Amino acid sequence: TATPAVTVALHDGEAVVASSSQVDAR
């Protein structure tokens, strides 16, 4: 959350299995 992007992901050690990103600085 260090930038306007609120971003989250899950990684199983080999690949990203799910992710979410929303750009909202406030």
PDB file of all heavy atoms in Angstrom:
ATOM      1  N   THR A   1       0.840  -1.209   0.000  1.00  0.00           N
ATOM      2  CA  THR A   1       0.000   0.000   0.000  1.00  0.00           C
ATOM      3  C   THR A   1       0.871   1.253   0.000  1.00  0.00           C
ATOM      4  O   THR A   1       0.423   2.306   0.451  1.00  0.00           O
ATOM      5  CB  THR A   1      -0.936   0.020   1.225  1.00  0.00           C
ATOM      6  OG1 THR A   1      -0.152  -0.042   2.429  1.00  0.00           O
ATOM      7  CG2 THR A   1      -1.917  -1.148   1.187  1.00  0.00           C
ATOM      8  N   ALA A   2       2.087   1.144  -0.501  1.00  0.00           N
ATOM      9  CA  ALA A   2       3.020   2.275  -0.487  1.00  0.00           C
ATOM     10  C   ALA A   2       2.773   3.255  -1.634  1.00  0.00           C
ATOM     11  O   ALA A   2       3.338   4.345  -1.642  1.00  0.00           O
ATOM     12  CB  ALA A   2       4.455   1.770  -0.551  1.00  0.00           C
ATOM     13  N   THR A   3       1.948   2.862  -2.596  1.00  0.00           N
ATOM     14  CA  THR A   3       1.621   3.705  -3.747  1.00  0.00           C
ATOM     15  C   THR A   3       0.093   3.806  -3.830  1.00  0.00           C
ATOM     16  O   THR A   3      -0.611   3.220  -3.001  1.00  0.00           O
ATOM     17  CB  THR A   3       2.166   3.092  -5.048  1.00  0.00           C
ATOM     18  OG1 THR A   3       1.384   1.937  -5.390  1.00  0.00           O
ATOM     19  CG2 THR A   3       3.638   2.694  -4.907  1.00  0.00           C
ATOM     20  N   PRO A   4      -0.468   4.511  -4.797  1.00  0.00           N
ATOM     21  CA  PRO A   4      -1.930   4.535  -4.923  1.00  0.00           C
ATOM     22  C   PRO A   4      -2.565   3.173  -5.184  1.00  0.00           C
ATOM     23  O   PRO A   4      -3.778   3.012  -5.007  1.00  0.00           O
ATOM     24  CB  PRO A   4      -2.152   5.471  -6.112  1.00  0.00           C
ATOM     25  CG  PRO A   4      -0.982   6.392  -6.088  1.00  0.00           C
ATOM     26  CD  PRO A   4       0.171   5.519  -5.677  1.00  0.00           C
ATOM     27  N   ALA A   5      -1.784   2.183  -5.572  1.00  0.00           N
ATOM     28  CA  ALA A   5      -2.315   0.842  -5.820  1.00  0.00           C
ATOM     29  C   ALA A   5      -2.448   0.069  -4.511  1.00  0.00           C
ATOM     30  O   ALA A   5      -1.484  -0.083  -3.771  1.00  0.00           O
ATOM     31  CB  ALA A   5      -1.414   0.078  -6.780  1.00  0.00           C
ATOM     32  N   VAL A   6      -3.661  -0.406  -4.236  1.00  0.00           N
ATOM     33  CA  VAL A   6      -3.899  -1.320  -3.115  1.00  0.00           C
ATOM     34  C   VAL A   6      -3.876  -2.713  -3.721  1.00  0.00           C
ATOM     35  O   VAL A   6      -4.806  -3.107  -4.431  1.00  0.00           O
ATOM     36  CB  VAL A   6      -5.249  -1.033  -2.448  1.00  0.00           C
ATOM     37  CG1 VAL A   6      -5.476  -1.977  -1.268  1.00  0.00           C
ATOM     38  CG2 VAL A   6      -5.311   0.424  -1.988  1.00  0.00           C
ATOM     39  N   THR A   7      -2.814  -3.446  -3.476  1.00  0.00           N
ATOM     40  CA  THR A   7      -2.572  -4.658  -4.247  1.00  0.00           C
ATOM     41  C   THR A   7      -2.231  -5.839  -3.343  1.00  0.00           C
ATOM     42  O   THR A   7      -1.469  -5.703  -2.385  1.00  0.00           O
ATOM     43  CB  THR A   7      -1.471  -4.401  -5.306  1.00  0.00           C
ATOM     44  OG1 THR A   7      -1.226  -5.594  -6.048  1.00  0.00           O
ATOM     45  CG2 THR A   7      -0.187  -3.899  -4.679  1.00  0.00           C
ATOM     46  N   VAL A   8      -2.833  -6.997  -3.648  1.00  0.00           N
ATOM     47  CA  VAL A   8      -2.701  -8.208  -2.841  1.00  0.00           C
ATOM     48  C   VAL A   8      -2.545  -9.395  -3.790  1.00  0.00           C
ATOM     49  O   VAL A   8      -3.146  -9.421  -4.872  1.00  0.00           O
ATOM     50  CB  VAL A   8      -3.946  -8.425  -1.953  1.00  0.00           C
ATOM     51  CG1 VAL A   8      -3.832  -9.724  -1.159  1.00  0.00           C
ATOM     52  CG2 VAL A   8      -4.150  -7.245  -1.010  1.00  0.00           C
ATOM     53  N   ALA A   9      -1.756 -10.391  -3.395  1.00  0.00           N
ATOM     54  CA  ALA A   9      -1.599 -11.589  -4.220  1.00  0.00           C
ATOM     55  C   ALA A   9      -1.255 -12.789  -3.355  1.00  0.00           C
ATOM     56  O   ALA A   9      -0.724 -12.648  -2.247  1.00  0.00           O
ATOM     57  CB  ALA A   9      -0.513 -11.385  -5.277  1.00  0.00           C
ATOM     58  N   LEU A  10      -1.560 -13.969  -3.878  1.00  0.00           N
ATOM     59  CA  LEU A  10      -1.143 -15.233  -3.276  1.00  0.00           C
ATOM     60  C   LEU A  10      -0.207 -15.936  -4.248  1.00  0.00           C
ATOM     61  O   LEU A  10      -0.467 -15.977  -5.457  1.00  0.00           O
ATOM     62  CB  LEU A  10      -2.354 -16.127  -3.007  1.00  0.00           C
ATOM     63  CG  LEU A  10      -3.267 -15.754  -1.836  1.00  0.00           C
ATOM     64  CD1 LEU A  10      -4.528 -16.604  -1.887  1.00  0.00           C
ATOM     65  CD2 LEU A  10      -2.554 -15.953  -0.505  1.00  0.00           C
ATOM     66  N   HIS A  11       0.879 -16.506  -3.717  1.00  0.00           N
ATOM     67  CA  HIS A  11       1.867 -17.209  -4.543  1.00  0.00           C
ATOM     68  C   HIS A  11       2.204 -18.533  -3.860  1.00  0.00           C
ATOM     69  O   HIS A  11       2.497 -18.558  -2.665  1.00  0.00           O
ATOM     70  CB  HIS A  11       3.129 -16.346  -4.668  1.00  0.00           C
ATOM     71  CG  HIS A  11       4.047 -16.747  -5.772  1.00  0.00           C
ATOM     72  ND1 HIS A  11       4.780 -17.924  -5.750  1.00  0.00           N
ATOM     73  CD2 HIS A  11       4.364 -16.135  -6.945  1.00  0.00           C
ATOM     74  CE1 HIS A  11       5.512 -18.001  -6.852  1.00  0.00           C
ATOM     75  NE2 HIS A  11       5.262 -16.935  -7.597  1.00  0.00           N
ATOM     76  N   ASP A  12       2.145 -19.625  -4.618  1.00  0.00           N
ATOM     77  CA  ASP A  12       2.366 -20.951  -4.023  1.00  0.00           C
ATOM     78  C   ASP A  12       3.801 -21.444  -4.132  1.00  0.00           C
ATOM     79  O   ASP A  12       4.084 -22.625  -3.901  1.00  0.00           O
ATOM     80  CB  ASP A  12       1.410 -21.979  -4.632  1.00  0.00           C
ATOM     81  CG  ASP A  12       1.682 -22.242  -6.113  1.00  0.00           C
ATOM     82  OD1 ASP A  12       2.646 -21.685  -6.680  1.00  0.00           O
ATOM     83  OD2 ASP A  12       0.899 -23.004  -6.722  1.00  0.00           O
ATOM     84  N   GLY A  13       4.719 -20.543  -4.487  1.00  0.00           N
ATOM     85  CA  GLY A  13       6.114 -20.932  -4.633  1.00  0.00           C
ATOM     86  C   GLY A  13       6.504 -21.195  -6.065  1.00  0.00           C
ATOM     87  O   GLY A  13       7.690 -21.174  -6.403  1.00  0.00           O
ATOM     88  N   GLU A  14       5.506 -21.437  -6.905  1.00  0.00           N
ATOM     89  CA  GLU A  14       5.755 -21.661  -8.327  1.00  0.00           C
ATOM     90  C   GLU A  14       5.057 -20.646  -9.211  1.00  0.00           C
ATOM     91  O   GLU A  14       5.560 -20.288 -10.280  1.00  0.00           O
ATOM     92  CB  GLU A  14       5.325 -23.076  -8.726  1.00  0.00           C
ATOM     93  CG  GLU A  14       6.134 -24.172  -8.036  1.00  0.00           C
ATOM     94  CD  GLU A  14       5.788 -25.551  -8.564  1.00  0.00           C
ATOM     95  OE1 GLU A  14       4.933 -25.645  -9.470  1.00  0.00           O
ATOM     96  OE2 GLU A  14       6.366 -26.537  -8.055  1.00  0.00           O
ATOM     97  N   ALA A  15       3.897 -20.171  -8.775  1.00  0.00           N
ATOM     98  CA  ALA A  15       3.137 -19.225  -9.591  1.00  0.00           C
ATOM     99  C   ALA A  15       2.154 -18.452  -8.717  1.00  0.00           C
ATOM    100  O   ALA A  15       1.829 -18.872  -7.603  1.00  0.00           O
ATOM    101  CB  ALA A  15       2.373 -19.964 -10.694  1.00  0.00           C
ATOM    102  N   VAL A  16       1.696 -17.330  -9.240  1.00  0.00           N
ATOM    103  CA  VAL A  16       0.647 -16.565  -8.578  1.00  0.00           C
ATOM    104  C   VAL A  16      -0.669 -17.312  -8.768  1.00  0.00           C
ATOM    105  O   VAL A  16      -1.040 -17.672  -9.889  1.00  0.00           O
ATOM    106  CB  VAL A  16       0.544 -15.145  -9.187  1.00  0.00           C
ATOM    107  CG1 VAL A  16      -0.648 -14.402  -8.611  1.00  0.00           C
ATOM    108  CG2 VAL A  16       1.830 -14.362  -8.914  1.00  0.00           C
ATOM    109  N   VAL A  17      -1.376 -17.536  -7.678  1.00  0.00           N
ATOM    110  CA  VAL A  17      -2.635 -18.280  -7.774  1.00  0.00           C
ATOM    111  C   VAL A  17      -3.851 -17.356  -7.721  1.00  0.00           C
ATOM    112  O   VAL A  17      -4.955 -17.764  -8.123  1.00  0.00           O
ATOM    113  CB  VAL A  17      -2.732 -19.360  -6.671  1.00  0.00           C
ATOM    114  CG1 VAL A  17      -1.659 -20.413  -6.880  1.00  0.00           C
ATOM    115  CG2 VAL A  17      -2.621 -18.752  -5.278  1.00  0.00           C
ATOM    116  N   ALA A  18      -3.674 -16.129  -7.233  1.00  0.00           N
ATOM    117  CA  ALA A  18      -4.768 -15.154  -7.224  1.00  0.00           C
ATOM    118  C   ALA A  18      -4.182 -13.787  -6.923  1.00  0.00           C
ATOM    119  O   ALA A  18      -3.186 -13.667  -6.210  1.00  0.00           O
ATOM    120  CB  ALA A  18      -5.825 -15.520  -6.186  1.00  0.00           C
ATOM    121  N   SER A  19      -4.800 -12.747  -7.478  1.00  0.00           N
ATOM    122  CA  SER A  19      -4.303 -11.391  -7.224  1.00  0.00           C
ATOM    123  C   SER A  19      -5.431 -10.381  -7.372  1.00  0.00           C
ATOM    124  O   SER A  19      -6.444 -10.647  -8.033  1.00  0.00           O
ATOM    125  CB  SER A  19      -3.158 -11.034  -8.170  1.00  0.00           C
ATOM    126  OG  SER A  19      -3.596 -11.000  -9.512  1.00  0.00           O
ATOM    127  N   SER A  20      -5.234  -9.221  -6.750  1.00  0.00           N
ATOM    128  CA  SER A  20      -6.205  -8.135  -6.824  1.00  0.00           C
ATOM    129  C   SER A  20      -5.454  -6.818  -6.724  1.00  0.00           C
ATOM    130  O   SER A  20      -4.568  -6.670  -5.874  1.00  0.00           O
ATOM    131  CB  SER A  20      -7.215  -8.243  -5.673  1.00  0.00           C
ATOM    132  OG  SER A  20      -8.030  -7.078  -5.605  1.00  0.00           O
ATOM    133  N   SER A  21      -5.794  -5.851  -7.579  1.00  0.00           N
ATOM    134  CA  SER A  21      -5.191  -4.523  -7.527  1.00  0.00           C
ATOM    135  C   SER A  21      -6.237  -3.468  -7.827  1.00  0.00           C
ATOM    136  O   SER A  21      -6.994  -3.602  -8.800  1.00  0.00           O
ATOM    137  CB  SER A  21      -4.034  -4.401  -8.524  1.00  0.00           C
ATOM    138  OG  SER A  21      -2.935  -5.201  -8.144  1.00  0.00           O
ATOM    139  N   GLN A  22      -6.290  -2.449  -6.991  1.00  0.00           N
ATOM    140  CA  GLN A  22      -7.170  -1.306  -7.199  1.00  0.00           C
ATOM    141  C   GLN A  22      -6.357  -0.045  -6.964  1.00  0.00           C
ATOM    142  O   GLN A  22      -5.612   0.048  -5.985  1.00  0.00           O
ATOM    143  CB  GLN A  22      -8.351  -1.342  -6.227  1.00  0.00           C
ATOM    144  CG  GLN A  22      -9.295  -2.520  -6.415  1.00  0.00           C
ATOM    145  CD  GLN A  22     -10.298  -2.639  -5.282  1.00  0.00           C
ATOM    146  OE1 GLN A  22     -10.030  -3.265  -4.273  1.00  0.00           O
ATOM    147  NE2 GLN A  22     -11.454  -2.017  -5.454  1.00  0.00           N
ATOM    148  N   VAL A  23      -6.488   0.913  -7.845  1.00  0.00           N
ATOM    149  CA  VAL A  23      -5.751   2.164  -7.718  1.00  0.00           C
ATOM    150  C   VAL A  23      -6.666   3.213  -7.105  1.00  0.00           C
ATOM    151  O   VAL A  23      -7.626   3.656  -7.735  1.00  0.00           O
ATOM    152  CB  VAL A  23      -5.215   2.635  -9.085  1.00  0.00           C
ATOM    153  CG1 VAL A  23      -4.480   3.966  -8.935  1.00  0.00           C
ATOM    154  CG2 VAL A  23      -4.289   1.581  -9.681  1.00  0.00           C
ATOM    155  N   ASP A  24      -6.373   3.566  -5.855  1.00  0.00           N
ATOM    156  CA  ASP A  24      -7.157   4.573  -5.132  1.00  0.00           C
ATOM    157  C   ASP A  24      -6.294   5.091  -3.990  1.00  0.00           C
ATOM    158  O   ASP A  24      -6.122   4.427  -2.969  1.00  0.00           O
ATOM    159  CB  ASP A  24      -8.451   3.971  -4.594  1.00  0.00           C
ATOM    160  CG  ASP A  24      -9.418   5.037  -4.087  1.00  0.00           C
ATOM    161  OD1 ASP A  24      -8.957   6.055  -3.547  1.00  0.00           O
ATOM    162  OD2 ASP A  24     -10.641   4.843  -4.236  1.00  0.00           O
ATOM    163  N   ALA A  25      -5.759   6.275  -4.165  1.00  0.00           N
ATOM    164  CA  ALA A  25      -4.782   6.811  -3.214  1.00  0.00           C
ATOM    165  C   ALA A  25      -5.369   7.159  -1.862  1.00  0.00           C
ATOM    166  O   ALA A  25      -4.615   7.386  -0.908  1.00  0.00           O
ATOM    167  CB  ALA A  25      -4.118   8.051  -3.816  1.00  0.00           C
ATOM    168  N   ARG A  26      -6.690   7.196  -1.738  1.00  0.00           N
ATOM    169  CA  ARG A  26      -7.310   7.647  -0.488  1.00  0.00           C
ATOM    170  C   ARG A  26      -8.047   6.559   0.283  1.00  0.00           C
ATOM    171  O   ARG A  26      -8.659   6.846   1.323  1.00  0.00           O
ATOM    172  CB  ARG A  26      -8.285   8.803  -0.782  1.00  0.00           C
ATOM    173  CG  ARG A  26      -7.608  10.020  -1.385  1.00  0.00           C
ATOM    174  CD  ARG A  26      -8.596  11.146  -1.591  1.00  0.00           C
ATOM    175  NE  ARG A  26      -7.965  12.321  -2.178  1.00  0.00           N
ATOM    176  CZ  ARG A  26      -7.310  13.247  -1.493  1.00  0.00           C
ATOM    177  NH1 ARG A  26      -7.189  13.136  -0.184  1.00  0.00           N
ATOM    178  NH2 ARG A  26      -6.770  14.288  -2.108  1.00  0.00           N
TER     179      ARG A  26
END
